[in-house]
Amino acid sequence: MDLQSHVRVYNEALGVKGAKGKLIQIHSDGYYEIALEVKERLFQAYLPISGTVLLAAEPLVETESIEVDRY
């Protein structure tokens, strides 16, 4: 996941379950800086990495897989 990626945010302490956001920065002090969407407005938020789950807003593009015979 790259900086400026759109994400879904889960954080129990804040009561956030799948809120829309944008990853601004990952700080070495142990927190994410996120532009978090609340009631259709963006707010700057600093969330601890240890208590926060970020999911990419868009699923990965599936690619054609190649079968490999193993002996």
PDB file of N, CA and C in Angstrom:
ATOM      1  N   MET A   1       0.850  -1.165   0.000  1.00  0.00           N
ATOM      2  CA  MET A   1       0.000   0.000   0.000  1.00  0.00           C
ATOM      3  C   MET A   1       0.900   1.234   0.000  1.00  0.00           C
ATOM      4  N   ASP A   2       0.613   2.141  -0.875  1.00  0.00           N
ATOM      5  CA  ASP A   2       1.436   3.337  -1.015  1.00  0.00           C
ATOM      6  C   ASP A   2       0.823   4.516  -0.268  1.00  0.00           C
ATOM      7  N   LEU A   3       1.657   5.506   0.002  1.00  0.00           N
ATOM      8  CA  LEU A   3       1.136   6.742   0.570  1.00  0.00           C
ATOM      9  C   LEU A   3       0.167   7.361  -0.438  1.00  0.00           C
ATOM     10  N   GLN A   4      -0.812   8.061   0.046  1.00  0.00           N
ATOM     11  CA  GLN A   4      -1.876   8.684  -0.737  1.00  0.00           C
ATOM     12  C   GLN A   4      -2.894   7.666  -1.262  1.00  0.00           C
ATOM     13  N   SER A   5      -2.785   6.403  -0.813  1.00  0.00           N
ATOM     14  CA  SER A   5      -3.761   5.376  -1.196  1.00  0.00           C
ATOM     15  C   SER A   5      -5.057   5.573  -0.430  1.00  0.00           C
ATOM     16  N   HIS A   6      -6.158   5.287  -1.091  1.00  0.00           N
ATOM     17  CA  HIS A   6      -7.447   5.297  -0.411  1.00  0.00           C
ATOM     18  C   HIS A   6      -7.571   3.989   0.366  1.00  0.00           C
ATOM     19  N   VAL A   7      -8.021   4.092   1.615  1.00  0.00           N
ATOM     20  CA  VAL A   7      -8.062   2.935   2.504  1.00  0.00           C
ATOM     21  C   VAL A   7      -9.397   2.872   3.245  1.00  0.00           C
ATOM     22  N   ARG A   8      -9.648   1.715   3.826  1.00  0.00           N
ATOM     23  CA  ARG A   8     -10.727   1.504   4.793  1.00  0.00           C
ATOM     24  C   ARG A   8     -10.050   1.346   6.146  1.00  0.00           C
ATOM     25  N   VAL A   9     -10.562   2.057   7.148  1.00  0.00           N
ATOM     26  CA  VAL A   9      -9.921   2.123   8.453  1.00  0.00           C
ATOM     27  C   VAL A   9     -10.776   1.413   9.498  1.00  0.00           C
ATOM     28  N   TYR A  10     -10.115   0.568  10.300  1.00  0.00           N
ATOM     29  CA  TYR A  10     -10.755  -0.124  11.414  1.00  0.00           C
ATOM     30  C   TYR A  10      -9.950   0.181  12.667  1.00  0.00           C
ATOM     31  N   ASN A  11     -10.614   0.750  13.674  1.00  0.00           N
ATOM     32  CA  ASN A  11      -9.949   1.083  14.929  1.00  0.00           C
ATOM     33  C   ASN A  11     -10.977   0.998  16.047  1.00  0.00           C
ATOM     34  N   GLU A  12     -10.806   0.024  16.925  1.00  0.00           N
ATOM     35  CA  GLU A  12     -11.773  -0.234  17.989  1.00  0.00           C
ATOM     36  C   GLU A  12     -11.863   0.918  18.991  1.00  0.00           C
ATOM     37  N   ALA A  13     -10.732   1.494  19.361  1.00  0.00           N
ATOM     38  CA  ALA A  13     -10.727   2.574  20.354  1.00  0.00           C
ATOM     39  C   ALA A  13     -11.538   3.777  19.880  1.00  0.00           C
ATOM     40  N   LEU A  14     -11.501   4.041  18.576  1.00  0.00           N
ATOM     41  CA  LEU A  14     -12.230   5.165  18.005  1.00  0.00           C
ATOM     42  C   LEU A  14     -13.641   4.762  17.590  1.00  0.00           C
ATOM     43  N   GLY A  15     -13.895   3.463  17.547  1.00  0.00           N
ATOM     44  CA  GLY A  15     -15.201   2.968  17.117  1.00  0.00           C
ATOM     45  C   GLY A  15     -15.393   3.053  15.620  1.00  0.00           C
ATOM     46  N   VAL A  16     -14.302   2.973  14.881  1.00  0.00           N
ATOM     47  CA  VAL A  16     -14.338   3.096  13.425  1.00  0.00           C
ATOM     48  C   VAL A  16     -14.316   1.707  12.808  1.00  0.00           C
ATOM     49  N   LYS A  17     -15.296   1.442  11.963  1.00  0.00           N
ATOM     50  CA  LYS A  17     -15.390   0.136  11.308  1.00  0.00           C
ATOM     51  C   LYS A  17     -15.568   0.332   9.807  1.00  0.00           C
ATOM     52  N   GLY A  18     -14.468   0.357   9.097  1.00  0.00           N
ATOM     53  CA  GLY A  18     -14.518   0.458   7.640  1.00  0.00           C
ATOM     54  C   GLY A  18     -14.713   1.869   7.124  1.00  0.00           C
ATOM     55  N   ALA A  19     -14.305   2.862   7.903  1.00  0.00           N
ATOM     56  CA  ALA A  19     -14.446   4.252   7.456  1.00  0.00           C
ATOM     57  C   ALA A  19     -13.502   4.516   6.286  1.00  0.00           C
ATOM     58  N   LYS A  20     -13.932   5.385   5.399  1.00  0.00           N
ATOM     59  CA  LYS A  20     -13.105   5.762   4.264  1.00  0.00           C
ATOM     60  C   LYS A  20     -12.011   6.712   4.725  1.00  0.00           C
ATOM     61  N   GLY A  21     -10.845   6.571   4.122  1.00  0.00           N
ATOM     62  CA  GLY A  21      -9.745   7.459   4.453  1.00  0.00           C
ATOM     63  C   GLY A  21      -8.691   7.444   3.381  1.00  0.00           C
ATOM     64  N   LYS A  22      -7.668   8.254   3.592  1.00  0.00           N
ATOM     65  CA  LYS A  22      -6.529   8.326   2.690  1.00  0.00           C
ATOM     66  C   LYS A  22      -5.272   8.299   3.540  1.00  0.00           C
ATOM     67  N   LEU A  23      -4.373   7.373   3.241  1.00  0.00           N
ATOM     68  CA  LEU A  23      -3.133   7.232   3.998  1.00  0.00           C
ATOM     69  C   LEU A  23      -2.190   8.361   3.606  1.00  0.00           C
ATOM     70  N   ILE A  24      -1.888   9.223   4.561  1.00  0.00           N
ATOM     71  CA  ILE A  24      -1.014  10.360   4.307  1.00  0.00           C
ATOM     72  C   ILE A  24       0.445  10.012   4.605  1.00  0.00           C
ATOM     73  N   GLN A  25       0.680   9.398   5.759  1.00  0.00           N
ATOM     74  CA  GLN A  25       2.057   9.125   6.187  1.00  0.00           C
ATOM     75  C   GLN A  25       2.071   7.981   7.185  1.00  0.00           C
ATOM     76  N   ILE A  26       3.170   7.235   7.231  1.00  0.00           N
ATOM     77  CA  ILE A  26       3.408   6.239   8.267  1.00  0.00           C
ATOM     78  C   ILE A  26       4.604   6.754   9.062  1.00  0.00           C
ATOM     79  N   HIS A  27       4.366   7.144  10.298  1.00  0.00           N
ATOM     80  CA  HIS A  27       5.413   7.753  11.121  1.00  0.00           C
ATOM     81  C   HIS A  27       6.195   6.692  11.886  1.00  0.00           C
ATOM     82  N   SER A  28       7.491   6.894  12.004  1.00  0.00           N
ATOM     83  CA  SER A  28       8.361   5.947  12.696  1.00  0.00           C
ATOM     84  C   SER A  28       8.068   5.884  14.196  1.00  0.00           C
ATOM     85  N   ASP A  29       7.304   6.852  14.716  1.00  0.00           N
ATOM     86  CA  ASP A  29       6.923   6.849  16.128  1.00  0.00           C
ATOM     87  C   ASP A  29       5.796   5.866  16.424  1.00  0.00           C
ATOM     88  N   GLY A  30       5.276   5.190  15.383  1.00  0.00           N
ATOM     89  CA  GLY A  30       4.280   4.137  15.596  1.00  0.00           C
ATOM     90  C   GLY A  30       2.843   4.533  15.347  1.00  0.00           C
ATOM     91  N   TYR A  31       2.617   5.457  14.436  1.00  0.00           N
ATOM     92  CA  TYR A  31       1.234   5.805  14.117  1.00  0.00           C
ATOM     93  C   TYR A  31       1.071   6.144  12.645  1.00  0.00           C
ATOM     94  N   TYR A  32      -0.175   5.969  12.181  1.00  0.00           N
ATOM     95  CA  TYR A  32      -0.557   6.353  10.826  1.00  0.00           C
ATOM     96  C   TYR A  32      -1.123   7.766  10.860  1.00  0.00           C
ATOM     97  N   GLU A  33      -0.803   8.550   9.867  1.00  0.00           N
ATOM     98  CA  GLU A  33      -1.470   9.834   9.663  1.00  0.00           C
ATOM     99  C   GLU A  33      -2.445   9.607   8.515  1.00  0.00           C
ATOM    100  N   ILE A  34      -3.716   9.852   8.799  1.00  0.00           N
ATOM    101  CA  ILE A  34      -4.771   9.522   7.853  1.00  0.00           C
ATOM    102  C   ILE A  34      -5.726  10.704   7.708  1.00  0.00           C
ATOM    103  N   ALA A  35      -6.176  10.946   6.487  1.00  0.00           N
ATOM    104  CA  ALA A  35      -7.288  11.866   6.255  1.00  0.00           C
ATOM    105  C   ALA A  35      -8.536  10.987   6.336  1.00  0.00           C
ATOM    106  N   LEU A  36      -9.258  11.082   7.437  1.00  0.00           N
ATOM    107  CA  LEU A  36     -10.379  10.198   7.745  1.00  0.00           C
ATOM    108  C   LEU A  36     -11.692  10.878   7.401  1.00  0.00           C
ATOM    109  N   GLU A  37     -12.535  10.178   6.652  1.00  0.00           N
ATOM    110  CA  GLU A  37     -13.824  10.735   6.265  1.00  0.00           C
ATOM    111  C   GLU A  37     -14.863  10.447   7.352  1.00  0.00           C
ATOM    112  N   VAL A  38     -15.449  11.517   7.878  1.00  0.00           N
ATOM    113  CA  VAL A  38     -16.501  11.409   8.885  1.00  0.00           C
ATOM    114  C   VAL A  38     -17.650  12.305   8.428  1.00  0.00           C
ATOM    115  N   LYS A  39     -18.811  11.704   8.190  1.00  0.00           N
ATOM    116  CA  LYS A  39     -19.993  12.445   7.720  1.00  0.00           C
ATOM    117  C   LYS A  39     -19.671  13.306   6.499  1.00  0.00           C
ATOM    118  N   GLU A  40     -19.012  12.672   5.534  1.00  0.00           N
ATOM    119  CA  GLU A  40     -18.674  13.281   4.250  1.00  0.00           C
ATOM    120  C   GLU A  40     -17.697  14.449   4.339  1.00  0.00           C
ATOM    121  N   ARG A  41     -16.980  14.568   5.451  1.00  0.00           N
ATOM    122  CA  ARG A  41     -15.946  15.590   5.614  1.00  0.00           C
ATOM    123  C   ARG A  41     -14.644  14.900   6.007  1.00  0.00           C
ATOM    124  N   LEU A  42     -13.513  15.449   5.583  1.00  0.00           N
ATOM    125  CA  LEU A  42     -12.213  14.856   5.895  1.00  0.00           C
ATOM    126  C   LEU A  42     -11.607  15.517   7.120  1.00  0.00           C
ATOM    127  N   PHE A  43     -11.083  14.675   8.011  1.00  0.00           N
ATOM    128  CA  PHE A  43     -10.428  15.139   9.223  1.00  0.00           C
ATOM    129  C   PHE A  43      -9.068  14.475   9.321  1.00  0.00           C
ATOM    130  N   GLN A  44      -8.075  15.226   9.774  1.00  0.00           N
ATOM    131  CA  GLN A  44      -6.751  14.671   9.985  1.00  0.00           C
ATOM    132  C   GLN A  44      -6.784  13.832  11.254  1.00  0.00           C
ATOM    133  N   ALA A  45      -6.271  12.604  11.159  1.00  0.00           N
ATOM    134  CA  ALA A  45      -6.271  11.700  12.307  1.00  0.00           C
ATOM    135  C   ALA A  45      -4.908  11.025  12.420  1.00  0.00           C
ATOM    136  N   TYR A  46      -4.483  10.819  13.657  1.00  0.00           N
ATOM    137  CA  TYR A  46      -3.266  10.073  13.960  1.00  0.00           C
ATOM    138  C   TYR A  46      -3.689   8.839  14.742  1.00  0.00           C
ATOM    139  N   LEU A  47      -3.520   7.678  14.149  1.00  0.00           N
ATOM    140  CA  LEU A  47      -3.981   6.434  14.761  1.00  0.00           C
ATOM    141  C   LEU A  47      -2.800   5.513  15.009  1.00  0.00           C
ATOM    142  N   PRO A  48      -2.766   4.850  16.182  1.00  0.00           N
ATOM    143  CA  PRO A  48      -1.641   3.954  16.489  1.00  0.00           C
ATOM    144  C   PRO A  48      -1.635   2.746  15.555  1.00  0.00           C
ATOM    145  N   ILE A  49      -0.477   2.399  15.075  1.00  0.00           N
ATOM    146  CA  ILE A  49      -0.355   1.252  14.178  1.00  0.00           C
ATOM    147  C   ILE A  49      -0.803  -0.023  14.886  1.00  0.00           C
ATOM    148  N   SER A  50      -0.464  -0.154  16.164  1.00  0.00           N
ATOM    149  CA  SER A  50      -0.764  -1.381  16.904  1.00  0.00           C
ATOM    150  C   SER A  50      -2.258  -1.627  17.088  1.00  0.00           C
ATOM    151  N   GLY A  51      -3.102  -0.609  17.015  1.00  0.00           N
ATOM    152  CA  GLY A  51      -4.535  -0.807  17.225  1.00  0.00           C
ATOM    153  C   GLY A  51      -5.379  -0.493  16.016  1.00  0.00           C
ATOM    154  N   THR A  52      -4.743  -0.389  14.848  1.00  0.00           N
ATOM    155  CA  THR A  52      -5.461   0.024  13.653  1.00  0.00           C
ATOM    156  C   THR A  52      -5.207  -0.946  12.509  1.00  0.00           C
ATOM    157  N   VAL A  53      -6.259  -1.250  11.774  1.00  0.00           N
ATOM    158  CA  VAL A  53      -6.148  -2.077  10.572  1.00  0.00           C
ATOM    159  C   VAL A  53      -6.514  -1.207   9.380  1.00  0.00           C
ATOM    160  N   LEU A  54      -5.671  -1.237   8.358  1.00  0.00           N
ATOM    161  CA  LEU A  54      -5.952  -0.538   7.108  1.00  0.00           C
ATOM    162  C   LEU A  54      -6.120  -1.557   6.002  1.00  0.00           C
ATOM    163  N   LEU A  55      -7.177  -1.413   5.231  1.00  0.00           N
ATOM    164  CA  LEU A  55      -7.388  -2.242   4.048  1.00  0.00           C
ATOM    165  C   LEU A  55      -7.421  -1.326   2.837  1.00  0.00           C
ATOM    166  N   ALA A  56      -6.861  -1.783   1.741  1.00  0.00           N
ATOM    167  CA  ALA A  56      -6.946  -1.003   0.510  1.00  0.00           C
ATOM    168  C   ALA A  56      -8.418  -0.858   0.133  1.00  0.00           C
ATOM    169  N   ALA A  57      -8.798   0.313  -0.328  1.00  0.00           N
ATOM    170  CA  ALA A  57     -10.197   0.568  -0.679  1.00  0.00           C
ATOM    171  C   ALA A  57     -10.632  -0.250  -1.891  1.00  0.00           C
ATOM    172  N   GLU A  58      -9.698  -0.531  -2.772  1.00  0.00           N
ATOM    173  CA  GLU A  58      -9.999  -1.313  -3.974  1.00  0.00           C
ATOM    174  C   GLU A  58      -9.337  -2.680  -3.881  1.00  0.00           C
ATOM    175  N   PRO A  59     -10.045  -3.736  -4.301  1.00  0.00           N
ATOM    176  CA  PRO A  59      -9.444  -5.068  -4.264  1.00  0.00           C
ATOM    177  C   PRO A  59      -8.308  -5.184  -5.285  1.00  0.00           C
ATOM    178  N   LEU A  60      -7.439  -6.149  -5.054  1.00  0.00           N
ATOM    179  CA  LEU A  60      -6.355  -6.409  -5.996  1.00  0.00           C
ATOM    180  C   LEU A  60      -6.925  -6.914  -7.306  1.00  0.00           C
ATOM    181  N   VAL A  61      -6.288  -6.553  -8.383  1.00  0.00           N
ATOM    182  CA  VAL A  61      -6.699  -7.030  -9.700  1.00  0.00           C
ATOM    183  C   VAL A  61      -6.193  -8.453  -9.849  1.00  0.00           C
ATOM    184  N   GLU A  62      -7.116  -9.341 -10.174  1.00  0.00           N
ATOM    185  CA  GLU A  62      -6.721 -10.739 -10.340  1.00  0.00           C
ATOM    186  C   GLU A  62      -6.024 -10.913 -11.672  1.00  0.00           C
ATOM    187  N   THR A  63      -4.947 -11.691 -11.664  1.00  0.00           N
ATOM    188  CA  THR A  63      -4.228 -11.986 -12.892  1.00  0.00           C
ATOM    189  C   THR A  63      -4.390 -13.461 -13.205  1.00  0.00           C
ATOM    190  N   GLU A  64      -4.199 -13.773 -14.446  1.00  0.00           N
ATOM    191  CA  GLU A  64      -4.314 -15.160 -14.867  1.00  0.00           C
ATOM    192  C   GLU A  64      -3.196 -15.973 -14.241  1.00  0.00           C
ATOM    193  N   SER A  65      -3.559 -17.086 -13.630  1.00  0.00           N
ATOM    194  CA  SER A  65      -2.542 -17.919 -12.998  1.00  0.00           C
ATOM    195  C   SER A  65      -2.078 -19.010 -13.965  1.00  0.00           C
ATOM    196  N   ILE A  66      -0.863 -19.429 -13.769  1.00  0.00           N
ATOM    197  CA  ILE A  66      -0.272 -20.472 -14.602  1.00  0.00           C
ATOM    198  C   ILE A  66      -0.079 -21.700 -13.721  1.00  0.00           C
ATOM    199  N   GLU A  67      -0.551 -22.838 -14.221  1.00  0.00           N
ATOM    200  CA  GLU A  67      -0.372 -24.071 -13.460  1.00  0.00           C
ATOM    201  C   GLU A  67       1.047 -24.582 -13.647  1.00  0.00           C
ATOM    202  N   VAL A  68       1.641 -25.020 -12.554  1.00  0.00           N
ATOM    203  CA  VAL A  68       3.007 -25.559 -12.593  1.00  0.00           C
ATOM    204  C   VAL A  68       2.952 -26.991 -12.110  1.00  0.00           C
ATOM    205  N   ASP A  69       3.473 -27.894 -12.911  1.00  0.00           N
ATOM    206  CA  ASP A  69       3.561 -29.305 -12.501  1.00  0.00           C
ATOM    207  C   ASP A  69       4.785 -29.476 -11.644  1.00  0.00           C
ATOM    208  N   ARG A  70       4.624 -30.075 -10.487  1.00  0.00           N
ATOM    209  CA  ARG A  70       5.744 -30.311  -9.584  1.00  0.00           C
ATOM    210  C   ARG A  70       5.945 -31.813  -9.450  1.00  0.00           C
ATOM    211  N   TYR A  71       7.183 -32.229  -9.430  1.00  0.00           N
ATOM    212  CA  TYR A  71       7.510 -33.646  -9.338  1.00  0.00           C
ATOM    213  C   TYR A  71       8.196 -33.954  -8.057  1.00  0.00           C
TER     214      TYR A  71
END
